[in-house]
Amino acid sequence: MSGVKHWRRLRMGLQTLFGLRRQGFFIPYRYADGVAPVQPVYAALAERFAAAEPGFLDLLRGAEGYAEALLAIAAEAGGGPKFDQDWFPTLDAVAAYTLVRQSGPKRIVEVGSGHSTRFLARAVQDAGLATGITAIDPQPRAALTGLPVRFHNAILQTADPAIFAALEPGDILFIDSSHILMPGTDVDWLFNRVLPALPPGVLVHIHDIFLPDDYPAGWAWRGYNEQQAIGPLLAGGFQPVFSSHYAWTRLSSAVQGGIVGRLPQTAGAYPASLWLIRPNLVPPAPP
């Protein structure tokens, strides 16, 4: 952890502990000292992801159909989508662009915004879609003026529930939120209120997911715990459509041998998009 991050964490922690201002969460756990800083691979989840490899490879092959468009984006200057950044790395961007082009959603609801918003909007534009994009973010981290996006500059918990209720099969819910799962946080709201109510067939994206591995050791100071809820989602019927981290670490030859390997990549970036879908498990009515 850098000095700046250390002191920021210390300042926020002390303000929280002394009751001056809540800037996070302190959870007493008497056995915390015995918890390893990095957890081993989650074996049962690794099997789930391995079983989904054919679909991951299909998406990488599908991205080749958009190679010309992606290379054109890389060659552009100005305020459009950029591959040379580490907030939404190249593999994440290619997967998002490809899935929008392939699925042709009527609606995209994005929780959080930034470089991903640019790629989503560009995919909609390049495909000639009439997709409505809504972004909910109290503090966007990238200049997004001029994009055909309806912005709600507020925290998720204050957003109109009708935004999510309008999602239909083929639409996209794109989540890149606080990554903190505690009662009342945006992740709690999404995972325990929004996701259970989604109809089958809605594509769900969750960013900064490293399963079946733990979070990077260098991210321990962030306190992220969002991915601890992904296992129950998979057990509850959601199926992996694509995992950037899994493909980056287990299918690297397929990744680098395709269009991703021809695009700019930022050294040290962590591709970490997870795409899920809940299939319709209700059997069709007999004829």
Protein backbone atom coordinates (compact mmCIF):
# COMPACT_ATOMS: atom_id res chain seq x y z
CA MET A 1 0.00 0.00 0.00
CA SER A 2 1.38 3.43 -0.93
CA GLY A 3 1.89 6.10 1.71
CA VAL A 4 -1.01 8.18 0.43
CA LYS A 5 -3.38 5.21 0.52
CA HIS A 6 -2.14 4.22 3.99
CA TRP A 7 -2.80 7.64 5.49
CA ARG A 8 -6.14 7.98 3.72
CA ARG A 9 -7.25 4.63 5.13
CA LEU A 10 -5.97 5.58 8.60
CA ARG A 11 -7.76 8.94 8.53
CA MET A 12 -11.05 7.38 7.45
CA GLY A 13 -10.69 4.56 9.97
CA LEU A 14 -10.03 6.87 12.91
CA GLN A 15 -12.95 9.13 12.02
CA THR A 16 -15.19 6.06 11.91
CA LEU A 17 -13.93 4.50 15.16
CA PHE A 18 -14.17 7.76 17.11
CA GLY A 19 -17.68 8.43 15.84
CA LEU A 20 -16.73 11.66 14.09
CA ARG A 21 -17.99 10.55 10.70
CA ARG A 22 -18.80 7.12 9.28
CA GLN A 23 -16.31 6.54 6.46
CA GLY A 24 -16.44 2.77 6.32
CA PHE A 25 -17.17 -0.29 8.41
CA PHE A 26 -15.38 -1.92 11.31
CA ILE A 27 -16.42 -5.54 11.91
CA PRO A 28 -15.12 -7.21 15.09
CA TYR A 29 -14.01 -10.80 14.44
CA ARG A 30 -11.94 -12.48 17.12
CA TYR A 31 -10.23 -14.83 14.68
CA ALA A 32 -9.30 -12.17 12.13
CA ASP A 33 -5.60 -12.51 12.94
CA GLY A 34 -5.67 -16.08 11.65
CA VAL A 35 -7.19 -15.25 8.25
CA ALA A 36 -4.69 -15.57 5.42
CA PRO A 37 -4.18 -12.30 3.51
CA VAL A 38 -4.81 -14.08 0.19
CA GLN A 39 -7.24 -16.95 -0.15
CA PRO A 40 -6.58 -20.02 -2.34
CA VAL A 41 -8.59 -20.72 -5.47
CA TYR A 42 -12.27 -21.41 -4.82
CA ALA A 43 -12.27 -24.93 -6.24
CA ALA A 44 -16.01 -25.42 -6.72
CA LEU A 45 -16.30 -22.09 -8.51
CA ALA A 46 -13.27 -22.93 -10.64
CA GLU A 47 -15.19 -25.95 -11.89
CA ARG A 48 -18.15 -23.73 -12.78
CA PHE A 49 -15.95 -21.38 -14.76
CA ALA A 50 -14.10 -24.24 -16.46
CA ALA A 51 -17.43 -25.66 -17.60
CA ALA A 52 -18.25 -22.26 -19.13
CA GLU A 53 -14.99 -22.08 -21.13
CA PRO A 54 -16.66 -22.97 -24.48
CA GLY A 55 -18.91 -19.94 -24.13
CA PHE A 56 -15.97 -17.71 -23.20
CA LEU A 57 -14.10 -18.86 -26.30
CA ASP A 58 -17.19 -18.28 -28.42
CA LEU A 59 -17.29 -14.66 -27.27
CA LEU A 60 -13.61 -14.16 -28.09
CA ARG A 61 -14.24 -15.57 -31.55
CA GLY A 62 -17.29 -13.36 -31.89
CA ALA A 63 -15.18 -10.29 -31.12
CA GLU A 64 -13.18 -10.97 -34.28
CA GLY A 65 -16.24 -9.93 -36.26
CA TYR A 66 -15.84 -6.42 -34.83
CA ALA A 67 -12.05 -6.22 -35.24
CA GLU A 68 -12.20 -3.47 -37.83
CA ALA A 69 -14.46 -1.31 -35.65
CA LEU A 70 -12.31 -1.89 -32.55
CA LEU A 71 -9.11 -1.01 -34.41
CA ALA A 72 -10.79 2.16 -35.65
CA ILE A 73 -11.58 3.12 -32.06
CA ALA A 74 -7.95 2.53 -31.07
CA ALA A 75 -6.76 4.82 -33.88
CA GLU A 76 -8.97 7.73 -32.85
CA ALA A 77 -7.89 10.73 -30.81
CA GLY A 78 -10.06 12.95 -28.66
CA GLY A 79 -12.62 12.21 -25.99
CA GLY A 80 -14.00 8.94 -27.27
CA PRO A 81 -13.41 5.42 -25.93
CA LYS A 82 -9.80 4.71 -24.96
CA PHE A 83 -8.04 1.39 -24.52
CA ASP A 84 -4.90 2.88 -22.93
CA GLN A 85 -6.24 3.18 -19.36
CA ASP A 86 -6.52 0.74 -16.47
CA TRP A 87 -10.01 1.52 -15.15
CA PHE A 88 -11.70 -0.60 -17.81
CA PRO A 89 -8.92 -2.59 -19.49
CA THR A 90 -8.84 -3.70 -23.10
CA LEU A 91 -10.30 -7.18 -22.60
CA ASP A 92 -13.18 -5.74 -20.55
CA ALA A 93 -13.85 -3.16 -23.25
CA VAL A 94 -13.78 -5.72 -26.08
CA ALA A 95 -16.17 -8.03 -24.21
CA ALA A 96 -18.62 -5.21 -23.46
CA TYR A 97 -18.52 -3.90 -27.02
CA THR A 98 -19.04 -7.39 -28.42
CA LEU A 99 -21.94 -8.29 -26.14
CA VAL A 100 -23.78 -5.05 -26.91
CA ARG A 101 -23.35 -5.62 -30.63
CA GLN A 102 -24.45 -9.25 -30.33
CA SER A 103 -27.42 -8.78 -27.99
CA GLY A 104 -28.86 -5.53 -29.38
CA PRO A 105 -30.43 -4.41 -26.09
CA LYS A 106 -33.33 -1.97 -25.90
CA ARG A 107 -32.04 -0.67 -22.58
CA ILE A 108 -28.73 -0.51 -20.76
CA VAL A 109 -28.73 0.53 -17.10
CA GLU A 110 -25.26 1.28 -15.80
CA VAL A 111 -24.54 1.60 -12.08
CA GLY A 112 -21.33 3.60 -12.04
CA SER A 113 -19.94 5.23 -15.14
CA GLY A 114 -16.70 6.14 -16.85
CA HIS A 115 -14.64 4.57 -19.60
CA SER A 116 -17.13 1.71 -19.79
CA THR A 117 -19.90 4.18 -20.65
CA ARG A 118 -17.96 5.35 -23.67
CA PHE A 119 -17.56 1.81 -24.98
CA LEU A 120 -21.21 0.94 -24.37
CA ALA A 121 -22.38 4.07 -26.16
CA ARG A 122 -19.98 3.48 -29.04
CA ALA A 123 -21.19 -0.10 -29.50
CA VAL A 124 -24.77 1.16 -29.64
CA GLN A 125 -23.79 3.80 -32.19
CA ASP A 126 -21.78 1.43 -34.39
CA ALA A 127 -24.62 -1.10 -34.43
CA GLY A 128 -27.19 1.56 -35.32
CA LEU A 129 -29.29 0.67 -32.29
CA ALA A 130 -31.93 2.81 -30.60
CA THR A 131 -30.80 1.61 -27.18
CA GLY A 132 -31.59 3.84 -24.23
CA ILE A 133 -28.63 4.13 -21.84
CA THR A 134 -29.15 5.22 -18.24
CA ALA A 135 -26.20 5.77 -15.89
CA ILE A 136 -26.56 6.10 -12.12
CA ASP A 137 -23.45 7.59 -10.54
CA PRO A 138 -23.05 10.30 -7.87
CA GLN A 139 -19.53 11.17 -9.07
CA PRO A 140 -18.61 10.12 -12.62
CA ARG A 141 -14.84 9.66 -12.94
CA ALA A 142 -14.50 10.49 -16.62
CA ALA A 143 -15.75 13.36 -18.74
CA LEU A 144 -18.86 11.97 -20.41
CA THR A 145 -20.52 15.09 -21.76
CA GLY A 146 -22.03 14.73 -25.19
CA LEU A 147 -22.85 11.04 -24.91
CA PRO A 148 -26.45 9.94 -25.59
CA VAL A 149 -26.84 8.84 -21.98
CA ARG A 150 -29.40 9.78 -19.36
CA PHE A 151 -27.47 10.50 -16.16
CA HIS A 152 -28.73 10.25 -12.60
CA ASN A 153 -26.08 11.96 -10.46
CA ALA A 154 -27.16 10.26 -7.25
CA ILE A 155 -26.47 7.16 -5.22
CA LEU A 156 -28.19 3.99 -6.33
CA GLN A 157 -30.42 3.75 -3.27
CA THR A 158 -32.25 6.94 -4.28
CA ALA A 159 -32.82 5.88 -7.90
CA ASP A 160 -36.32 5.23 -9.19
CA PRO A 161 -36.98 1.45 -8.95
CA ALA A 162 -38.85 1.72 -12.25
CA ILE A 163 -35.47 2.06 -14.00
CA PHE A 164 -34.68 -1.55 -13.13
CA ALA A 165 -38.24 -2.83 -13.43
CA ALA A 166 -38.21 -1.82 -17.11
CA LEU A 167 -35.36 -4.20 -17.98
CA GLU A 168 -36.42 -7.02 -20.29
CA PRO A 169 -34.74 -10.14 -21.70
CA GLY A 170 -31.84 -9.05 -23.89
CA ASP A 171 -31.30 -5.82 -21.93
CA ILE A 172 -28.15 -5.13 -19.91
CA LEU A 173 -27.63 -4.25 -16.25
CA PHE A 174 -24.03 -3.05 -16.00
CA ILE A 175 -22.72 -2.88 -12.42
CA ASP A 176 -19.51 -1.14 -11.37
CA SER A 177 -20.40 0.17 -7.95
CA SER A 178 -18.72 0.52 -4.54
CA HIS A 179 -17.83 -3.21 -4.33
CA ILE A 180 -18.73 -3.15 -0.64
CA LEU A 181 -21.45 -5.59 0.44
CA MET A 182 -22.86 -4.39 3.75
CA PRO A 183 -26.47 -3.84 4.81
CA GLY A 184 -27.78 -0.78 3.01
CA THR A 185 -24.90 -0.31 0.56
CA ASP A 186 -25.42 -0.16 -3.18
CA VAL A 187 -24.15 -3.74 -3.56
CA ASP A 188 -26.67 -4.97 -0.98
CA TRP A 189 -29.39 -3.08 -2.83
CA LEU A 190 -28.41 -4.57 -6.17
CA PHE A 191 -27.79 -8.16 -5.09
CA ASN A 192 -30.72 -8.52 -2.71
CA ARG A 193 -33.36 -6.24 -4.23
CA VAL A 194 -32.65 -5.70 -7.93
CA LEU A 195 -31.12 -8.96 -9.16
CA PRO A 196 -33.75 -11.29 -7.63
CA ALA A 197 -36.47 -9.31 -9.43
CA LEU A 198 -34.84 -9.34 -12.88
CA PRO A 199 -36.57 -11.42 -15.54
CA PRO A 200 -34.58 -14.29 -17.06
CA GLY A 201 -32.55 -13.23 -20.07
CA VAL A 202 -31.22 -9.92 -18.75
CA LEU A 203 -27.43 -9.75 -19.15
CA VAL A 204 -25.73 -8.71 -15.90
CA HIS A 205 -22.21 -7.31 -15.80
CA ILE A 206 -20.29 -6.95 -12.52
CA HIS A 207 -16.86 -5.33 -12.55
CA ASP A 208 -13.76 -6.08 -10.48
CA ILE A 209 -14.58 -9.77 -10.05
CA PHE A 210 -11.55 -12.08 -9.89
CA LEU A 211 -13.24 -15.39 -9.19
CA PRO A 212 -12.35 -18.20 -8.94
CA ASP A 213 -9.33 -16.38 -7.46
CA ASP A 214 -9.15 -13.94 -4.57
CA TYR A 215 -8.84 -10.20 -5.02
CA PRO A 216 -5.28 -9.07 -5.84
CA ALA A 217 -3.12 -8.86 -2.72
CA GLY A 218 -2.38 -5.22 -3.49
CA TRP A 219 -6.06 -4.40 -3.24
CA ALA A 220 -6.45 -5.56 0.37
CA TRP A 221 -6.58 -1.96 1.61
CA ARG A 222 -9.78 -1.39 -0.39
CA GLY A 223 -11.79 -3.86 1.67
CA TYR A 224 -13.75 -5.13 -1.33
CA ASN A 225 -16.02 -8.09 -0.59
CA GLU A 226 -18.56 -7.96 -3.43
CA GLN A 227 -17.35 -11.12 -5.11
CA GLN A 228 -18.11 -13.16 -1.99
CA ALA A 229 -21.75 -12.93 -3.09
CA ILE A 230 -21.12 -14.23 -6.61
CA GLY A 231 -20.86 -17.88 -5.57
CA PRO A 232 -24.44 -17.90 -4.25
CA LEU A 233 -25.59 -16.22 -7.47
CA LEU A 234 -24.04 -19.02 -9.51
CA ALA A 235 -25.54 -21.63 -7.19
CA GLY A 236 -28.90 -19.90 -7.55
CA GLY A 237 -29.08 -20.23 -11.31
CA PHE A 238 -27.04 -17.41 -12.81
CA GLN A 239 -24.66 -18.70 -15.47
CA PRO A 240 -21.31 -17.20 -16.53
CA VAL A 241 -21.40 -15.69 -20.00
CA PHE A 242 -17.84 -14.33 -19.91
CA SER A 243 -15.15 -13.68 -17.31
CA SER A 244 -12.28 -11.39 -18.26
CA HIS A 245 -10.14 -12.51 -15.34
CA TYR A 246 -10.64 -16.19 -16.09
CA ALA A 247 -9.93 -15.70 -19.79
CA TRP A 248 -6.90 -13.50 -19.04
CA THR A 249 -5.36 -16.02 -16.64
CA ARG A 250 -6.50 -19.37 -18.09
CA LEU A 251 -7.15 -18.73 -21.78
CA SER A 252 -4.34 -16.28 -22.51
CA SER A 253 -3.37 -17.73 -25.88
CA ALA A 254 -6.92 -17.31 -27.17
CA VAL A 255 -7.06 -13.77 -25.77
CA GLN A 256 -3.73 -12.54 -27.10
CA GLY A 257 -4.06 -14.45 -30.37
CA GLY A 258 -7.16 -12.48 -31.34
CA ILE A 259 -8.20 -8.87 -31.65
CA VAL A 260 -7.35 -8.11 -28.00
CA GLY A 261 -3.69 -8.79 -28.77
CA ARG A 262 -3.79 -6.21 -31.59
CA LEU A 263 -5.16 -3.42 -29.43
CA PRO A 264 -3.36 -1.16 -26.92
CA GLN A 265 -3.04 -2.68 -23.45
CA THR A 266 -2.00 -0.98 -20.23
CA ALA A 267 0.71 -2.85 -18.34
CA GLY A 268 -0.36 -3.95 -14.87
CA ALA A 269 -4.08 -3.51 -15.55
CA TYR A 270 -6.50 -6.10 -14.20
CA PRO A 271 -9.21 -7.23 -16.63
CA ALA A 272 -12.06 -8.17 -14.29
CA SER A 273 -15.45 -8.06 -15.99
CA LEU A 274 -17.89 -10.84 -15.16
CA TRP A 275 -20.97 -11.28 -17.33
CA LEU A 276 -23.84 -13.41 -16.06
CA ILE A 277 -27.29 -14.39 -17.22
CA ARG A 278 -30.14 -16.20 -15.53
CA PRO A 279 -31.73 -18.52 -18.08
CA ASN A 280 -35.44 -19.20 -18.17
CA LEU A 281 -35.73 -22.36 -16.10
CA VAL A 282 -39.51 -22.62 -16.45
CA PRO A 283 -40.31 -25.50 -18.83
CA PRO A 284 -42.42 -24.58 -21.86
CA ALA A 285 -46.12 -25.37 -21.72
CA PRO A 286 -47.08 -28.60 -23.50
CA PRO A 287 -48.54 -28.15 -26.99
